[in-house]
Protein backbone atom coordinates (compact mmCIF):
# COMPACT_ATOMS: atom_id res chain seq x y z
CA UNK A 1 0.06 -0.02 0.05
CA UNK A 2 1.37 3.40 -0.82
CA UNK A 3 -0.23 6.80 -0.28
CA UNK A 4 1.27 10.11 -1.12
CA UNK A 5 0.97 13.02 1.44
CA UNK A 6 2.08 16.60 0.93
CA UNK A 7 1.99 19.01 3.80
CA UNK A 8 2.80 22.72 4.09
CA UNK A 9 6.47 23.51 4.38
CA UNK A 10 7.82 23.33 7.83
CA UNK A 11 5.35 20.55 9.01
CA UNK A 12 6.84 17.54 10.18
CA UNK A 13 5.61 13.82 10.30
CA UNK A 14 3.76 13.50 13.50
CA UNK A 15 5.65 11.71 16.35
CA UNK A 16 8.60 11.28 14.05
CA UNK A 17 11.19 8.78 14.52
CA UNK A 18 14.73 9.00 13.03
CA UNK A 19 15.89 5.46 11.86
CA UNK A 20 18.70 4.15 9.94
CA UNK A 21 18.53 1.93 6.76
CA UNK A 22 19.79 -1.52 7.90
CA UNK A 23 19.11 -3.26 4.58
CA UNK A 24 18.00 -2.40 1.10
CA UNK A 25 17.59 -4.85 -1.67
CA UNK A 26 15.63 -5.46 -4.87
CA UNK A 27 12.86 -7.87 -3.93
CA UNK A 28 11.48 -8.66 -7.61
CA UNK A 29 11.53 -6.50 -10.65
CA UNK A 30 10.48 -2.95 -9.70
CA UNK A 31 9.99 -3.45 -6.02
CA UNK A 32 12.75 -2.60 -3.37
CA UNK A 33 12.71 -3.97 0.19
CA UNK A 34 13.97 -1.66 2.88
CA UNK A 35 14.66 -2.44 6.60
CA UNK A 36 14.78 0.53 8.87
CA UNK A 37 16.02 0.15 12.52
CA UNK A 38 16.77 2.42 15.60
CA UNK A 39 20.49 3.67 15.30
CA UNK A 40 20.90 2.68 19.00
CA UNK A 41 19.50 -0.83 18.65
CA UNK A 42 16.22 -0.05 20.74
CA UNK A 43 13.06 -1.75 20.05
CA UNK A 44 10.65 0.18 17.98
CA UNK A 45 6.91 0.91 18.98
CA UNK A 46 4.57 -1.99 18.59
CA UNK A 47 2.06 -1.68 15.87
CA UNK A 48 -1.32 -3.28 14.81
CA UNK A 49 -1.13 -5.50 11.83
CA UNK A 50 -2.15 -3.73 8.47
CA UNK A 51 -0.28 -0.56 9.75
CA UNK A 52 1.77 1.94 7.67
CA UNK A 53 4.32 4.49 8.43
CA UNK A 54 4.91 7.88 6.67
CA UNK A 55 8.40 8.29 5.21
CA UNK A 56 9.61 11.81 4.89
CA UNK A 57 11.31 11.83 1.52
CA UNK A 58 11.57 15.54 0.83
CA UNK A 59 10.69 18.90 2.54
CA UNK A 60 7.06 18.76 3.38
CA UNK A 61 6.48 15.54 1.44
CA UNK A 62 5.75 12.14 2.64
CA UNK A 63 4.58 8.73 1.33
CA UNK A 64 2.99 6.02 3.48
CA UNK A 65 4.00 2.46 3.09
CA UNK A 66 2.68 -0.69 4.84
CA UNK A 67 4.75 -2.49 7.31
CA UNK A 68 5.51 -6.05 6.50
CA UNK A 69 7.46 -7.27 9.40
CA UNK A 70 6.76 -8.45 13.03
CA UNK A 71 4.44 -6.16 14.94
CA UNK A 72 5.24 -6.70 18.52
CA UNK A 73 8.05 -4.70 19.97
CA UNK A 74 10.05 -5.11 16.57
CA UNK A 75 13.86 -4.38 16.30
CA UNK A 76 13.04 -2.90 12.82
CA UNK A 77 10.31 -1.72 10.46
CA UNK A 78 10.21 -3.21 6.94
CA UNK A 79 8.68 -1.69 3.73
CA UNK A 80 8.57 -2.86 0.21
CA UNK A 81 8.03 -0.15 -2.37
CA UNK A 82 6.98 -0.52 -6.07
CA UNK A 83 8.77 2.01 -8.31
CA UNK A 84 6.33 4.47 -9.82
CA UNK A 85 7.89 5.99 -12.80
CA UNK A 86 5.00 8.53 -13.14
CA UNK A 87 4.97 9.41 -9.44
CA UNK A 88 6.03 12.38 -7.54
CA UNK A 89 9.45 11.10 -6.72
CA UNK A 90 8.92 9.36 -3.31
CA UNK A 91 9.32 5.90 -4.53
CA UNK A 92 12.39 6.63 -6.42
CA UNK A 93 13.94 8.28 -3.38
CA UNK A 94 13.14 4.94 -1.45
CA UNK A 95 14.69 2.90 -4.22
CA UNK A 96 17.81 5.22 -4.02
CA UNK A 97 18.33 4.45 -0.20
CA UNK A 98 21.45 2.70 0.90
CA UNK A 99 22.41 1.07 4.16
CA UNK A 100 23.55 3.63 6.77
CA UNK A 101 21.23 6.61 5.73
CA UNK A 102 18.96 8.13 8.18
CA UNK A 103 15.26 8.28 7.47
CA UNK A 104 12.54 10.09 9.30
CA UNK A 105 9.25 8.22 9.55
CA UNK A 106 6.09 8.52 11.59
CA UNK A 107 4.91 6.14 14.17
CA UNK A 108 2.79 3.44 12.85
CA UNK A 109 -0.99 4.04 12.12
CA UNK A 110 -3.58 1.57 11.03
CA UNK A 111 -6.79 1.74 9.02
CA UNK A 112 -6.82 -1.81 7.94
CA UNK A 113 -6.57 -3.87 11.12
CA UNK A 114 -7.84 -7.50 11.56
CA UNK A 115 -11.11 -8.05 13.40
CA UNK A 116 -10.05 -9.86 16.45
CA UNK A 117 -13.10 -11.69 17.23
CA UNK A 118 -13.42 -13.07 13.63
CA UNK A 119 -13.84 -16.87 13.13
CA UNK A 120 -12.06 -16.88 10.00
CA UNK A 121 -10.14 -14.42 7.81
CA UNK A 122 -10.01 -14.29 4.06
CA UNK A 123 -6.96 -12.43 3.03
CA UNK A 124 -6.88 -11.16 -0.76
CA UNK A 125 -3.83 -9.38 -2.01
CA UNK A 126 -3.18 -7.91 -5.49
CA UNK A 127 0.28 -7.07 -6.53
CA UNK A 128 2.16 -4.65 -4.10
CA UNK A 129 -1.07 -4.79 -2.04
CA UNK A 130 0.42 -7.94 -0.43
CA UNK A 131 2.51 -5.87 2.10
CA UNK A 132 -0.34 -5.21 4.72
CA UNK A 133 -1.71 -8.78 4.13
CA UNK A 134 1.73 -10.15 5.11
CA UNK A 135 1.52 -8.41 8.53
CA UNK A 136 -1.89 -9.74 8.83
CA UNK A 137 -0.59 -13.30 8.32
CA UNK A 138 2.20 -12.94 10.82
CA UNK A 139 -0.30 -12.02 13.51
CA UNK A 140 -2.71 -14.71 12.57
CA UNK A 141 0.02 -17.23 12.87
CA UNK A 142 1.19 -15.80 16.17
CA UNK A 143 -2.15 -15.88 17.74
CA UNK A 144 -3.40 -19.09 16.20
CA UNK A 145 -6.10 -17.39 14.11
CA UNK A 146 -7.92 -19.37 11.28
CA UNK A 147 -7.13 -17.74 7.84
CA UNK A 148 -6.43 -18.26 4.06
CA UNK A 149 -4.86 -16.19 1.51
CA UNK A 150 -5.36 -15.59 -2.19
CA UNK A 151 -2.51 -13.73 -3.77
CA UNK A 152 -2.94 -12.34 -7.44
CA UNK A 153 0.21 -11.18 -9.16
CA UNK A 154 1.71 -11.14 -12.73
CA UNK A 155 4.43 -13.32 -13.66
CA UNK A 156 7.82 -12.47 -11.82
CA UNK A 157 5.95 -9.58 -10.07
CA UNK A 158 5.07 -11.48 -6.87
CA UNK A 159 6.73 -9.38 -4.12
CA UNK A 160 7.09 -11.68 -1.02
CA UNK A 161 5.51 -14.67 -2.93
CA UNK A 162 8.16 -17.13 -1.46
CA UNK A 163 8.06 -15.75 1.96
CA UNK A 164 4.28 -15.89 2.05
CA UNK A 165 4.31 -19.43 0.74
CA UNK A 166 6.75 -20.54 3.45
CA UNK A 167 4.44 -18.74 6.24
CA UNK A 168 1.18 -20.05 4.79
CA UNK A 169 1.83 -23.57 3.39
CA UNK A 170 -1.41 -24.94 1.86
CA UNK A 171 -3.37 -21.86 3.22
CA UNK A 172 -2.01 -19.88 0.24
CA UNK A 173 -3.40 -19.83 -3.39
CA UNK A 174 -1.75 -17.79 -5.97
CA UNK A 175 -3.38 -16.64 -9.30
CA UNK A 176 -2.35 -14.40 -12.26
CA UNK A 177 -5.49 -13.26 -13.95
CA UNK A 178 -8.79 -11.62 -12.77
CA UNK A 179 -10.70 -14.73 -14.20
CA UNK A 180 -8.46 -17.17 -12.04
CA UNK A 181 -9.06 -14.90 -9.01
CA UNK A 182 -12.94 -15.02 -9.61
CA UNK A 183 -12.75 -18.90 -10.04
CA UNK A 184 -10.87 -19.35 -6.74
CA UNK A 185 -12.65 -16.63 -4.61
CA UNK A 186 -16.14 -16.67 -5.42
CA UNK A 187 -16.85 -20.30 -4.39
CA UNK A 188 -14.92 -19.44 -1.15
CA UNK A 189 -17.18 -16.43 -0.53
CA UNK A 190 -20.38 -18.62 -1.28
CA UNK A 191 -19.38 -21.23 1.51
CA UNK A 192 -18.27 -19.23 4.55
CA UNK A 193 -19.66 -19.71 8.14
CA UNK A 194 -20.99 -16.58 9.96
CA UNK A 195 -18.20 -14.58 11.67
CA UNK A 196 -15.76 -14.88 8.66
CA UNK A 197 -14.18 -11.48 7.59
CA UNK A 198 -12.81 -10.68 4.12
CA UNK A 199 -9.83 -8.36 3.71
CA UNK A 200 -8.69 -7.03 0.30
CA UNK A 201 -5.61 -4.89 -0.66
CA UNK A 202 -4.58 -4.00 -4.13
CA UNK A 203 -5.66 -1.98 -7.21
CA UNK A 204 -9.04 -0.24 -6.92
CA UNK A 205 -10.68 -2.27 -9.69
CA UNK A 206 -9.79 -5.53 -7.88
CA UNK A 207 -11.13 -4.36 -4.71
CA UNK A 208 -14.35 -3.19 -6.41
CA UNK A 209 -14.64 -6.64 -8.09
CA UNK A 210 -14.07 -8.50 -4.76
CA UNK A 211 -16.53 -6.23 -2.95
CA UNK A 212 -19.18 -6.97 -5.68
CA UNK A 213 -18.66 -10.72 -5.52
CA UNK A 214 -18.97 -10.69 -1.71
CA UNK A 215 -22.29 -8.65 -2.07
CA UNK A 216 -23.64 -11.08 -4.56
CA UNK A 217 -22.71 -13.92 -2.11
CA UNK A 218 -24.73 -12.11 0.55
CA UNK A 219 -22.02 -10.87 2.58
CA UNK A 220 -22.83 -7.92 4.88
CA UNK A 221 -20.78 -4.90 4.26
CA UNK A 222 -19.45 -4.92 7.78
CA UNK A 223 -17.47 -8.18 7.23
CA UNK A 224 -15.88 -6.72 4.15
CA UNK A 225 -12.67 -4.65 4.60
CA UNK A 226 -10.42 -3.05 2.05
CA UNK A 227 -7.37 -0.94 1.51
CA UNK A 228 -6.73 0.59 -1.83
CA UNK A 229 -3.63 2.37 -3.33
CA UNK A 230 -5.79 5.51 -3.63
CA UNK A 231 -8.93 7.10 -4.87
CA UNK A 232 -7.59 7.82 -8.24
CA UNK A 233 -8.02 11.05 -10.39
CA UNK A 234 -11.25 12.84 -9.42
CA UNK A 235 -13.42 15.42 -11.21
CA UNK A 236 -12.79 18.88 -10.03
CA UNK A 237 -16.40 19.39 -8.82
CA UNK A 238 -18.66 22.35 -8.43
CA UNK A 239 -17.66 25.31 -6.07
CA UNK A 240 -19.48 25.46 -2.64
CA UNK A 241 -19.06 27.03 0.77
CA UNK A 242 -18.56 25.44 4.04
CA UNK A 243 -19.79 26.94 7.21
CA UNK A 244 -18.06 26.28 10.46
CA UNK A 245 -20.83 25.55 12.97
CA UNK A 246 -19.09 26.75 16.10
CA UNK A 247 -17.85 30.27 14.79
CA UNK A 248 -20.18 30.89 11.84
CA UNK A 249 -17.12 31.36 9.66
CA UNK A 250 -17.68 30.89 5.90
CA UNK A 251 -14.95 29.08 4.00
CA UNK A 252 -15.19 29.19 0.11
CA UNK A 253 -14.24 25.93 -1.69
CA UNK A 254 -13.46 26.69 -5.27
CA UNK A 255 -13.76 24.05 -8.10
CA UNK A 256 -10.56 21.96 -8.18
CA UNK A 257 -9.82 22.80 -4.56
CA UNK A 258 -10.53 20.02 -1.82
CA UNK A 259 -12.56 21.11 1.34
CA UNK A 260 -9.43 19.99 3.28
CA UNK A 261 -6.96 22.45 1.34
CA UNK A 262 -9.59 25.17 1.79
CA UNK A 263 -9.65 24.62 5.50
CA UNK A 264 -5.95 24.57 5.87
CA UNK A 265 -5.45 27.71 3.71
CA UNK A 266 -7.70 29.43 6.36
CA UNK A 267 -5.47 28.39 8.97
CA UNK A 268 -7.90 25.78 10.44
CA UNK A 269 -6.11 22.74 11.68
CA UNK A 270 -7.52 19.36 10.41
CA UNK A 271 -5.49 16.26 11.02
CA UNK A 272 -4.61 14.56 7.89
CA UNK A 273 -2.46 11.96 6.21
CA UNK A 274 -3.10 10.23 2.97
CA UNK A 275 -5.26 12.90 1.21
CA UNK A 276 -6.80 10.34 -0.91
CA UNK A 277 -9.89 9.32 0.99
CA UNK A 278 -8.19 5.99 2.27
CA UNK A 279 -6.97 6.42 5.71
CA UNK A 280 -9.74 8.18 7.69
CA UNK A 281 -7.51 10.60 9.48
CA UNK A 282 -9.22 13.71 8.35
CA UNK A 283 -12.82 12.76 9.08
CA UNK A 284 -15.19 15.63 10.01
CA UNK A 285 -18.65 15.76 11.32
CA UNK A 286 -21.41 17.27 9.23
CA UNK A 287 -24.16 19.44 10.68
CA UNK A 288 -26.03 20.19 7.49
CA UNK A 289 -26.07 19.79 3.75
CA UNK A 290 -25.67 16.78 1.52
CA UNK A 291 -22.23 15.14 1.01
CA UNK A 292 -20.90 13.97 -2.32
CA UNK A 293 -18.92 10.97 -0.94
CA UNK A 294 -15.73 10.05 -2.89
CA UNK A 295 -13.68 8.27 -0.36
CA UNK A 296 -12.77 4.72 0.13
CA UNK A 297 -13.01 4.75 4.02
CA UNK A 298 -16.55 5.35 5.06
CA UNK A 299 -18.97 2.35 5.01
CA UNK A 300 -22.03 2.51 2.99
CA UNK A 301 -24.07 2.92 6.09
CA UNK A 302 -21.89 5.82 7.25
CA UNK A 303 -22.23 7.47 3.89
CA UNK A 304 -25.95 7.02 3.79
CA UNK A 305 -26.16 8.76 7.21
CA UNK A 306 -24.65 11.93 5.90
CA UNK A 307 -23.13 12.99 9.28
CA UNK A 308 -19.33 12.61 8.20
CA UNK A 309 -17.16 13.74 5.39
CA UNK A 310 -13.66 13.10 4.25
CA UNK A 311 -12.66 16.59 3.34
CA UNK A 312 -9.59 15.42 1.30
CA UNK A 313 -11.67 14.16 -1.50
CA UNK A 314 -15.52 14.53 -0.81
CA UNK A 315 -17.45 17.70 -1.51
CA UNK A 316 -20.98 19.17 -1.05
CA UNK A 317 -23.76 18.18 -3.31
CA UNK A 318 -25.16 21.53 -3.24
CA UNK A 319 -23.72 25.08 -2.63
CA UNK A 320 -23.25 24.99 1.17
CA UNK A 321 -22.14 22.48 3.82
CA UNK A 322 -22.12 23.09 7.59
CA UNK A 323 -19.42 21.34 9.53
CA UNK A 324 -19.00 20.72 13.35
CA UNK A 325 -15.90 22.88 13.47
């Protein structure tokens, strides 16, 4: 999982840690594996499976990458990063890291944690989306939880495929096409006991397909969890105004500017991380007005209630929105 974050100049990564590159190697074509450790050899903060760290790669710019290693008082954080030649430069920066270099990162955060009381976990990974799935697998093995994994990747592009096979044994199935994924997953979804939870991480089209198959098999939305690489390009949207309920302040939001950007430009502090509608960090309460939900974080029920908005991507349907700010 990769998310791009840009903050205003001078802002740091919240609760930043300065770590040292202990290892950097090519994992498979286009994917570099980097191991970060405390320079003094101290244990790092424990994290929830599915967590990510924000890596500071330039002034005011950070990318978030899923952690793949052990989660309880680890002696290192490990990330695997796919090179994006059309990106902003963060993945290239990571690919150029060498042992001994210092790297500033945030403390781990999670928006894709396992459900601890689930009877069974179905884990579906697509491409580099295997990274948070790997940490789920480690935790499931450590705590003796029931799970199975389906990993979809193109020939020679299976990051961590060998490691996953060693961990999972016969609980792992690998496929290489959408058709093969459907053939293996749909029968599994159709024959699962109550209490089973489904987790998917990968490209947005794959996540949408898996969610649709689950819906057709009668799965309630609350048992389907996903983490995408990002919401993708969005239309600029119509201009609107946001009223701050506590002060009465009116904040104009032009077309092509997000509500989050408009609030930050006015000096209104809003916690944020991914700016792609994925992580849930910037969630705000809505007092009035209708929301055009564009995020990948809120559930269908939460979107239908209309009392929350992810201001990094979502907008007002009309010309006015009132916020609990």
